[in-house]
Structures are given as structure tokens and as C-alpha cells.
PDB file of N, CA and C in Angstrom:
ATOM      1  N   MET A   1      -5.958 -18.651   9.001  1.00  0.00           N
ATOM      2  CA  MET A   1      -5.159 -17.467   9.231  1.00  0.00           C
ATOM      3  C   MET A   1      -6.094 -16.327   9.629  1.00  0.00           C
ATOM      4  N   SER A   2      -5.689 -15.559  10.627  1.00  0.00           N
ATOM      5  CA  SER A   2      -6.529 -14.458  11.092  1.00  0.00           C
ATOM      6  C   SER A   2      -6.402 -13.247  10.164  1.00  0.00           C
ATOM      7  N   PRO A   3      -7.420 -12.392  10.171  1.00  0.00           N
ATOM      8  CA  PRO A   3      -7.355 -11.184   9.334  1.00  0.00           C
ATOM      9  C   PRO A   3      -6.179 -10.301   9.755  1.00  0.00           C
ATOM     10  N   LEU A   4      -5.737  -9.467   8.839  1.00  0.00           N
ATOM     11  CA  LEU A   4      -4.633  -8.563   9.128  1.00  0.00           C
ATOM     12  C   LEU A   4      -5.071  -7.484  10.119  1.00  0.00           C
ATOM     13  N   THR A   5      -4.157  -7.101  10.976  1.00  0.00           N
ATOM     14  CA  THR A   5      -4.425  -5.991  11.886  1.00  0.00           C
ATOM     15  C   THR A   5      -4.320  -4.689  11.109  1.00  0.00           C
ATOM     16  N   THR A   6      -4.758  -3.615  11.724  1.00  0.00           N
ATOM     17  CA  THR A   6      -4.656  -2.304  11.090  1.00  0.00           C
ATOM     18  C   THR A   6      -3.206  -1.983  10.759  1.00  0.00           C
ATOM     19  N   ALA A   7      -2.316  -2.233  11.676  1.00  0.00           N
ATOM     20  CA  ALA A   7      -0.892  -1.952  11.462  1.00  0.00           C
ATOM     21  C   ALA A   7      -0.334  -2.811  10.321  1.00  0.00           C
ATOM     22  N   GLU A   8      -0.734  -4.075  10.269  1.00  0.00           N
ATOM     23  CA  GLU A   8      -0.273  -4.949   9.189  1.00  0.00           C
ATOM     24  C   GLU A   8      -0.782  -4.477   7.831  1.00  0.00           C
ATOM     25  N   ARG A   9      -2.039  -4.047   7.774  1.00  0.00           N
ATOM     26  CA  ARG A   9      -2.597  -3.519   6.516  1.00  0.00           C
ATOM     27  C   ARG A   9      -1.866  -2.260   6.091  1.00  0.00           C
ATOM     28  N   GLN A  10      -1.573  -1.375   7.041  1.00  0.00           N
ATOM     29  CA  GLN A  10      -0.849  -0.143   6.719  1.00  0.00           C
ATOM     30  C   GLN A  10       0.541  -0.468   6.174  1.00  0.00           C
ATOM     31  N   PHE A  11       1.220  -1.404   6.813  1.00  0.00           N
ATOM     32  CA  PHE A  11       2.560  -1.769   6.361  1.00  0.00           C
ATOM     33  C   PHE A  11       2.502  -2.433   4.988  1.00  0.00           C
ATOM     34  N   LEU A  12       1.513  -3.278   4.762  1.00  0.00           N
ATOM     35  CA  LEU A  12       1.369  -3.932   3.464  1.00  0.00           C
ATOM     36  C   LEU A  12       1.095  -2.898   2.366  1.00  0.00           C
ATOM     37  N   ARG A  13       0.204  -1.954   2.642  1.00  0.00           N
ATOM     38  CA  ARG A  13      -0.062  -0.896   1.658  1.00  0.00           C
ATOM     39  C   ARG A  13       1.198  -0.078   1.387  1.00  0.00           C
ATOM     40  N   PHE A  14       1.959   0.204   2.432  1.00  0.00           N
ATOM     41  CA  PHE A  14       3.218   0.934   2.281  1.00  0.00           C
ATOM     42  C   PHE A  14       4.172   0.155   1.380  1.00  0.00           C
ATOM     43  N   ALA A  15       4.314  -1.143   1.628  1.00  0.00           N
ATOM     44  CA  ALA A  15       5.211  -1.977   0.819  1.00  0.00           C
ATOM     45  C   ALA A  15       4.737  -2.037  -0.639  1.00  0.00           C
ATOM     46  N   LEU A  16       3.445  -2.136  -0.844  1.00  0.00           N
ATOM     47  CA  LEU A  16       2.912  -2.175  -2.204  1.00  0.00           C
ATOM     48  C   LEU A  16       3.105  -0.831  -2.912  1.00  0.00           C
ATOM     49  N   ASP A  17       2.973   0.273  -2.161  1.00  0.00           N
ATOM     50  CA  ASP A  17       3.250   1.588  -2.748  1.00  0.00           C
ATOM     51  C   ASP A  17       4.707   1.707  -3.167  1.00  0.00           C
ATOM     52  N   LEU A  18       5.623   1.208  -2.323  1.00  0.00           N
ATOM     53  CA  LEU A  18       7.042   1.242  -2.684  1.00  0.00           C
ATOM     54  C   LEU A  18       7.310   0.391  -3.918  1.00  0.00           C
ATOM     55  N   ALA A  19       6.657  -0.755  -4.003  1.00  0.00           N
ATOM     56  CA  ALA A  19       6.814  -1.610  -5.183  1.00  0.00           C
ATOM     57  C   ALA A  19       6.302  -0.885  -6.428  1.00  0.00           C
ATOM     58  N   ALA A  20       5.168  -0.198  -6.300  1.00  0.00           N
ATOM     59  CA  ALA A  20       4.619   0.554  -7.428  1.00  0.00           C
ATOM     60  C   ALA A  20       5.569   1.672  -7.846  1.00  0.00           C
ATOM     61  N   ASP A  21       6.160   2.349  -6.865  1.00  0.00           N
ATOM     62  CA  ASP A  21       7.141   3.402  -7.171  1.00  0.00           C
ATOM     63  C   ASP A  21       8.316   2.829  -7.948  1.00  0.00           C
ATOM     64  N   HIS A  22       8.828   1.720  -7.471  1.00  0.00           N
ATOM     65  CA  HIS A  22       9.975   1.069  -8.120  1.00  0.00           C
ATOM     66  C   HIS A  22       9.609   0.664  -9.547  1.00  0.00           C
ATOM     67  N   MET A  23       8.429   0.119  -9.710  1.00  0.00           N
ATOM     68  CA  MET A  23       7.990  -0.303 -11.036  1.00  0.00           C
ATOM     69  C   MET A  23       7.819   0.891 -11.965  1.00  0.00           C
ATOM     70  N   ALA A  24       7.366   2.019 -11.429  1.00  0.00           N
ATOM     71  CA  ALA A  24       7.167   3.212 -12.256  1.00  0.00           C
ATOM     72  C   ALA A  24       8.501   3.763 -12.743  1.00  0.00           C
ATOM     73  N   VAL A  25       9.491   3.738 -11.867  1.00  0.00           N
ATOM     74  CA  VAL A  25      10.809   4.265 -12.219  1.00  0.00           C
ATOM     75  C   VAL A  25      11.516   3.350 -13.216  1.00  0.00           C
ATOM     76  N   ARG A  26      11.329   2.062 -13.060  1.00  0.00           N
ATOM     77  CA  ARG A  26      11.993   1.083 -13.912  1.00  0.00           C
ATOM     78  C   ARG A  26      10.957   0.342 -14.753  1.00  0.00           C
ATOM     79  N   GLY A  27      10.052   1.085 -15.327  1.00  0.00           N
ATOM     80  CA  GLY A  27       8.921   0.524 -16.048  1.00  0.00           C
ATOM     81  C   GLY A  27       9.270  -0.471 -17.132  1.00  0.00           C
ATOM     82  N   ASP A  28      10.396  -0.260 -17.802  1.00  0.00           N
ATOM     83  CA  ASP A  28      10.745  -1.159 -18.900  1.00  0.00           C
ATOM     84  C   ASP A  28      11.177  -2.539 -18.412  1.00  0.00           C
ATOM     85  N   GLU A  29      11.380  -2.676 -17.117  1.00  0.00           N
ATOM     86  CA  GLU A  29      11.790  -3.970 -16.559  1.00  0.00           C
ATOM     87  C   GLU A  29      10.600  -4.820 -16.122  1.00  0.00           C
ATOM     88  N   PHE A  30       9.393  -4.258 -16.181  1.00  0.00           N
ATOM     89  CA  PHE A  30       8.218  -4.952 -15.683  1.00  0.00           C
ATOM     90  C   PHE A  30       7.196  -5.139 -16.800  1.00  0.00           C
ATOM     91  N   THR A  31       6.466  -6.219 -16.703  1.00  0.00           N
ATOM     92  CA  THR A  31       5.491  -6.585 -17.726  1.00  0.00           C
ATOM     93  C   THR A  31       4.073  -6.247 -17.268  1.00  0.00           C
ATOM     94  N   ASP A  32       3.129  -6.412 -18.171  1.00  0.00           N
ATOM     95  CA  ASP A  32       1.717  -6.252 -17.811  1.00  0.00           C
ATOM     96  C   ASP A  32       1.330  -7.266 -16.742  1.00  0.00           C
ATOM     97  N   GLU A  33       1.950  -8.431 -16.796  1.00  0.00           N
ATOM     98  CA  GLU A  33       1.680  -9.452 -15.778  1.00  0.00           C
ATOM     99  C   GLU A  33       2.124  -8.967 -14.400  1.00  0.00           C
ATOM    100  N   ASP A  34       3.255  -8.267 -14.339  1.00  0.00           N
ATOM    101  CA  ASP A  34       3.722  -7.701 -13.072  1.00  0.00           C
ATOM    102  C   ASP A  34       2.741  -6.645 -12.566  1.00  0.00           C
ATOM    103  N   ASP A  35       2.265  -5.778 -13.470  1.00  0.00           N
ATOM    104  CA  ASP A  35       1.282  -4.761 -13.090  1.00  0.00           C
ATOM    105  C   ASP A  35       0.013  -5.417 -12.557  1.00  0.00           C
ATOM    106  N   ALA A  36      -0.426  -6.492 -13.216  1.00  0.00           N
ATOM    107  CA  ALA A  36      -1.625  -7.206 -12.771  1.00  0.00           C
ATOM    108  C   ALA A  36      -1.409  -7.847 -11.403  1.00  0.00           C
ATOM    109  N   ALA A  37      -0.209  -8.368 -11.174  1.00  0.00           N
ATOM    110  CA  ALA A  37       0.099  -8.973  -9.874  1.00  0.00           C
ATOM    111  C   ALA A  37       0.043  -7.931  -8.764  1.00  0.00           C
ATOM    112  N   LEU A  38       0.592  -6.755  -9.025  1.00  0.00           N
ATOM    113  CA  LEU A  38       0.553  -5.683  -8.029  1.00  0.00           C
ATOM    114  C   LEU A  38      -0.888  -5.269  -7.748  1.00  0.00           C
ATOM    115  N   ALA A  39      -1.680  -5.118  -8.796  1.00  0.00           N
ATOM    116  CA  ALA A  39      -3.089  -4.751  -8.618  1.00  0.00           C
ATOM    117  C   ALA A  39      -3.826  -5.816  -7.812  1.00  0.00           C
ATOM    118  N   ARG A  40      -3.536  -7.078  -8.087  1.00  0.00           N
ATOM    119  CA  ARG A  40      -4.189  -8.183  -7.358  1.00  0.00           C
ATOM    120  C   ARG A  40      -3.802  -8.173  -5.887  1.00  0.00           C
ATOM    121  N   LEU A  41      -2.528  -7.930  -5.604  1.00  0.00           N
ATOM    122  CA  LEU A  41      -2.092  -7.863  -4.208  1.00  0.00           C
ATOM    123  C   LEU A  41      -2.763  -6.702  -3.479  1.00  0.00           C
ATOM    124  N   ARG A  42      -2.946  -5.594  -4.170  1.00  0.00           N
ATOM    125  CA  ARG A  42      -3.649  -4.461  -3.557  1.00  0.00           C
ATOM    126  C   ARG A  42      -5.101  -4.843  -3.248  1.00  0.00           C
ATOM    127  N   GLN A  43      -5.729  -5.586  -4.153  1.00  0.00           N
ATOM    128  CA  GLN A  43      -7.102  -6.039  -3.914  1.00  0.00           C
ATOM    129  C   GLN A  43      -7.160  -6.971  -2.713  1.00  0.00           C
ATOM    130  N   LEU A  44      -6.203  -7.879  -2.620  1.00  0.00           N
ATOM    131  CA  LEU A  44      -6.175  -8.807  -1.489  1.00  0.00           C
ATOM    132  C   LEU A  44      -5.963  -8.067  -0.177  1.00  0.00           C
ATOM    133  N   ALA A  45      -5.081  -7.070  -0.189  1.00  0.00           N
ATOM    134  CA  ALA A  45      -4.846  -6.277   1.018  1.00  0.00           C
ATOM    135  C   ALA A  45      -6.114  -5.541   1.435  1.00  0.00           C
ATOM    136  N   ALA A  46      -6.830  -5.001   0.465  1.00  0.00           N
ATOM    137  CA  ALA A  46      -8.069  -4.285   0.755  1.00  0.00           C
ATOM    138  C   ALA A  46      -9.151  -5.245   1.235  1.00  0.00           C
ATOM    139  N   ALA A  47      -9.187  -6.441   0.665  1.00  0.00           N
ATOM    140  CA  ALA A  47     -10.217  -7.425   1.035  1.00  0.00           C
ATOM    141  C   ALA A  47     -10.044  -7.901   2.472  1.00  0.00           C
ATOM    142  N   SER A  48      -8.840  -7.838   2.999  1.00  0.00           N
ATOM    143  CA  SER A  48      -8.612  -8.311   4.359  1.00  0.00           C
ATOM    144  C   SER A  48      -9.003  -7.272   5.393  1.00  0.00           C
ATOM    145  N   ALA A  49      -9.341  -6.071   4.951  1.00  0.00           N
ATOM    146  CA  ALA A  49      -9.691  -4.997   5.878  1.00  0.00           C
ATOM    147  C   ALA A  49     -11.160  -5.101   6.281  1.00  0.00           C
ATOM    148  N   PRO A  50     -11.440  -4.817   7.543  1.00  0.00           N
ATOM    149  CA  PRO A  50     -12.844  -4.794   7.950  1.00  0.00           C
ATOM    150  C   PRO A  50     -13.506  -3.545   7.397  1.00  0.00           C
ATOM    151  N   GLY A  51     -14.692  -3.691   6.857  1.00  0.00           N
ATOM    152  CA  GLY A  51     -15.418  -2.547   6.328  1.00  0.00           C
ATOM    153  C   GLY A  51     -14.932  -2.149   4.947  1.00  0.00           C
ATOM    154  N   PRO A  52     -15.547  -1.104   4.379  1.00  0.00           N
ATOM    155  CA  PRO A  52     -15.192  -0.676   3.028  1.00  0.00           C
ATOM    156  C   PRO A  52     -13.807  -0.043   2.979  1.00  0.00           C
ATOM    157  N   VAL A  53     -13.101  -0.337   1.909  1.00  0.00           N
ATOM    158  CA  VAL A  53     -11.762   0.206   1.704  1.00  0.00           C
ATOM    159  C   VAL A  53     -11.658   0.654   0.255  1.00  0.00           C
ATOM    160  N   THR A  54     -11.079   1.799   0.038  1.00  0.00           N
ATOM    161  CA  THR A  54     -10.840   2.284  -1.310  1.00  0.00           C
ATOM    162  C   THR A  54      -9.415   1.952  -1.690  1.00  0.00           C
ATOM    163  N   VAL A  55      -9.241   1.292  -2.819  1.00  0.00           N
ATOM    164  CA  VAL A  55      -7.905   0.976  -3.319  1.00  0.00           C
ATOM    165  C   VAL A  55      -7.583   2.002  -4.386  1.00  0.00           C
ATOM    166  N   GLN A  56      -6.514   2.720  -4.160  1.00  0.00           N
ATOM    167  CA  GLN A  56      -6.116   3.759  -5.096  1.00  0.00           C
ATOM    168  C   GLN A  56      -4.762   3.394  -5.679  1.00  0.00           C
ATOM    169  N   LEU A  57      -4.707   3.237  -6.983  1.00  0.00           N
ATOM    170  CA  LEU A  57      -3.461   2.919  -7.650  1.00  0.00           C
ATOM    171  C   LEU A  57      -2.820   4.210  -8.123  1.00  0.00           C
ATOM    172  N   THR A  58      -1.844   4.654  -7.330  1.00  0.00           N
ATOM    173  CA  THR A  58      -1.128   5.868  -7.691  1.00  0.00           C
ATOM    174  C   THR A  58       0.356   5.613  -7.557  1.00  0.00           C
ATOM    175  N   PHE A  59       1.130   6.397  -8.247  1.00  0.00           N
ATOM    176  CA  PHE A  59       2.576   6.307  -8.153  1.00  0.00           C
ATOM    177  C   PHE A  59       3.076   7.569  -7.461  1.00  0.00           C
ATOM    178  N   VAL A  60       3.619   7.381  -6.276  1.00  0.00           N
ATOM    179  CA  VAL A  60       4.150   8.490  -5.503  1.00  0.00           C
ATOM    180  C   VAL A  60       5.567   8.144  -5.073  1.00  0.00           C
ATOM    181  N   ASP A  61       6.317   9.140  -4.714  1.00  0.00           N
ATOM    182  CA  ASP A  61       7.674   8.838  -4.287  1.00  0.00           C
ATOM    183  C   ASP A  61       7.676   8.288  -2.861  1.00  0.00           C
ATOM    184  N   ALA A  62       8.763   7.675  -2.484  1.00  0.00           N
ATOM    185  CA  ALA A  62       8.858   7.009  -1.187  1.00  0.00           C
ATOM    186  C   ALA A  62       8.666   7.987  -0.034  1.00  0.00           C
ATOM    187  N   GLU A  63       9.203   9.206  -0.151  1.00  0.00           N
ATOM    188  CA  GLU A  63       9.069  10.188   0.915  1.00  0.00           C
ATOM    189  C   GLU A  63       7.604  10.560   1.126  1.00  0.00           C
ATOM    190  N   ALA A  64       6.873  10.748   0.043  1.00  0.00           N
ATOM    191  CA  ALA A  64       5.454  11.069   0.152  1.00  0.00           C
ATOM    192  C   ALA A  64       4.681   9.900   0.751  1.00  0.00           C
ATOM    193  N   THR A  65       5.062   8.692   0.386  1.00  0.00           N
ATOM    194  CA  THR A  65       4.406   7.506   0.934  1.00  0.00           C
ATOM    195  C   THR A  65       4.628   7.419   2.434  1.00  0.00           C
ATOM    196  N   GLN A  66       5.851   7.661   2.874  1.00  0.00           N
ATOM    197  CA  GLN A  66       6.153   7.634   4.305  1.00  0.00           C
ATOM    198  C   GLN A  66       5.343   8.690   5.043  1.00  0.00           C
ATOM    199  N   ALA A  67       5.214   9.874   4.465  1.00  0.00           N
ATOM    200  CA  ALA A  67       4.437  10.936   5.089  1.00  0.00           C
ATOM    201  C   ALA A  67       2.972  10.542   5.203  1.00  0.00           C
ATOM    202  N   MET A  68       2.445   9.877   4.158  1.00  0.00           N
ATOM    203  CA  MET A  68       1.054   9.433   4.200  1.00  0.00           C
ATOM    204  C   MET A  68       0.849   8.401   5.309  1.00  0.00           C
ATOM    205  N   ILE A  69       1.770   7.454   5.431  1.00  0.00           N
ATOM    206  CA  ILE A  69       1.656   6.428   6.469  1.00  0.00           C
ATOM    207  C   ILE A  69       1.703   7.067   7.853  1.00  0.00           C
ATOM    208  N   LYS A  70       2.615   8.007   8.055  1.00  0.00           N
ATOM    209  CA  LYS A  70       2.715   8.696   9.350  1.00  0.00           C
ATOM    210  C   LYS A  70       1.415   9.419   9.673  1.00  0.00           C
ATOM    211  N   GLU A  71       0.801  10.055   8.677  1.00  0.00           N
ATOM    212  CA  GLU A  71      -0.455  10.763   8.891  1.00  0.00           C
ATOM    213  C   GLU A  71      -1.580   9.793   9.239  1.00  0.00           C
ATOM    214  N   ILE A  72      -1.626   8.662   8.562  1.00  0.00           N
ATOM    215  CA  ILE A  72      -2.649   7.654   8.871  1.00  0.00           C
ATOM    216  C   ILE A  72      -2.488   7.155  10.299  1.00  0.00           C
ATOM    217  N   VAL A  73      -1.273   6.856  10.686  1.00  0.00           N
ATOM    218  CA  VAL A  73      -1.004   6.375  12.041  1.00  0.00           C
ATOM    219  C   VAL A  73      -1.361   7.450  13.066  1.00  0.00           C
ATOM    220  N   ARG A  74      -1.002   8.701  12.766  1.00  0.00           N
ATOM    221  CA  ARG A  74      -1.319   9.812  13.688  1.00  0.00           C
ATOM    222  C   ARG A  74      -2.837   9.946  13.859  1.00  0.00           C
ATOM    223  N   ARG A  75      -3.574   9.901  12.741  1.00  0.00           N
ATOM    224  CA  ARG A  75      -5.035  10.031  12.808  1.00  0.00           C
ATOM    225  C   ARG A  75      -5.666   8.854  13.530  1.00  0.00           C
ATOM    226  N   ASP A  76      -5.060   7.687  13.397  1.00  0.00           N
ATOM    227  CA  ASP A  76      -5.577   6.478  14.014  1.00  0.00           C
ATOM    228  C   ASP A  76      -5.332   6.482  15.524  1.00  0.00           C
ATOM    229  N   GLY A  77      -4.536   7.445  15.983  1.00  0.00           N
ATOM    230  CA  GLY A  77      -4.282   7.566  17.422  1.00  0.00           C
ATOM    231  C   GLY A  77      -3.205   6.661  17.938  1.00  0.00           C
ATOM    232  N   ARG A  78      -2.455   6.028  17.044  1.00  0.00           N
ATOM    233  CA  ARG A  78      -1.426   5.097  17.484  1.00  0.00           C
ATOM    234  C   ARG A  78      -0.024   5.658  17.295  1.00  0.00           C
ATOM    235  N   GLY A  79       0.067   6.839  16.732  1.00  0.00           N
ATOM    236  CA  GLY A  79       1.376   7.440  16.488  1.00  0.00           C
ATOM    237  C   GLY A  79       1.888   8.146  17.709  1.00  0.00           C
ATOM    238  N   SER A  80       3.184   8.224  17.874  1.00  0.00           N
ATOM    239  CA  SER A  80       3.762   8.963  18.980  1.00  0.00           C
ATOM    240  C   SER A  80       3.848  10.427  18.595  1.00  0.00           C
ATOM    241  N   GLN A  81       3.576  11.275  19.551  1.00  0.00           N
ATOM    242  CA  GLN A  81       3.573  12.705  19.252  1.00  0.00           C
ATOM    243  C   GLN A  81       4.539  13.435  20.122  1.00  0.00           C
TER     244      GLN A  81
END
């Protein structure tokens, strides 16, 4: 399997952020094993990136996450303006 593209990594990080948001809101429905699985998936997503990547485990709302993704895409030069 080929490494993830930049766009695929961005989308995966976005999906993982949404999952983290959902887990934070409904925390009593998730176990430590679920938290560990999310952390592991974030590590795998970061490992597929070329070069150094910082994995930040934060809980943000979906609107803020979307804004962050748009900013990353804009800075990367692939966003429409």
C-alpha cells in the first residue's frame, strides 16, 4: 500500500478529531481502550506522513476543526480562494 497523500492525511486527521470530539461529549460511553485506540490511530496517521509530524491530542468542536483544516489547505496552496 502506498503512503497517504497530504489530502488523505488531512482528511484522516479531521476524521480522528471529529471522533475525539464525539468521545469527549459522550465520554461515559467510551472506555480507556477506546481512548487508546484513538491515540494509536493518530500515531499511525502521523507515521504515514513524510518528515516529522507533531501529534496533538486535543478536543475541539467540529466548527473549529473545519476551520483548522481549511487553514491548512489554504496554507498548503491547494485551497480555492
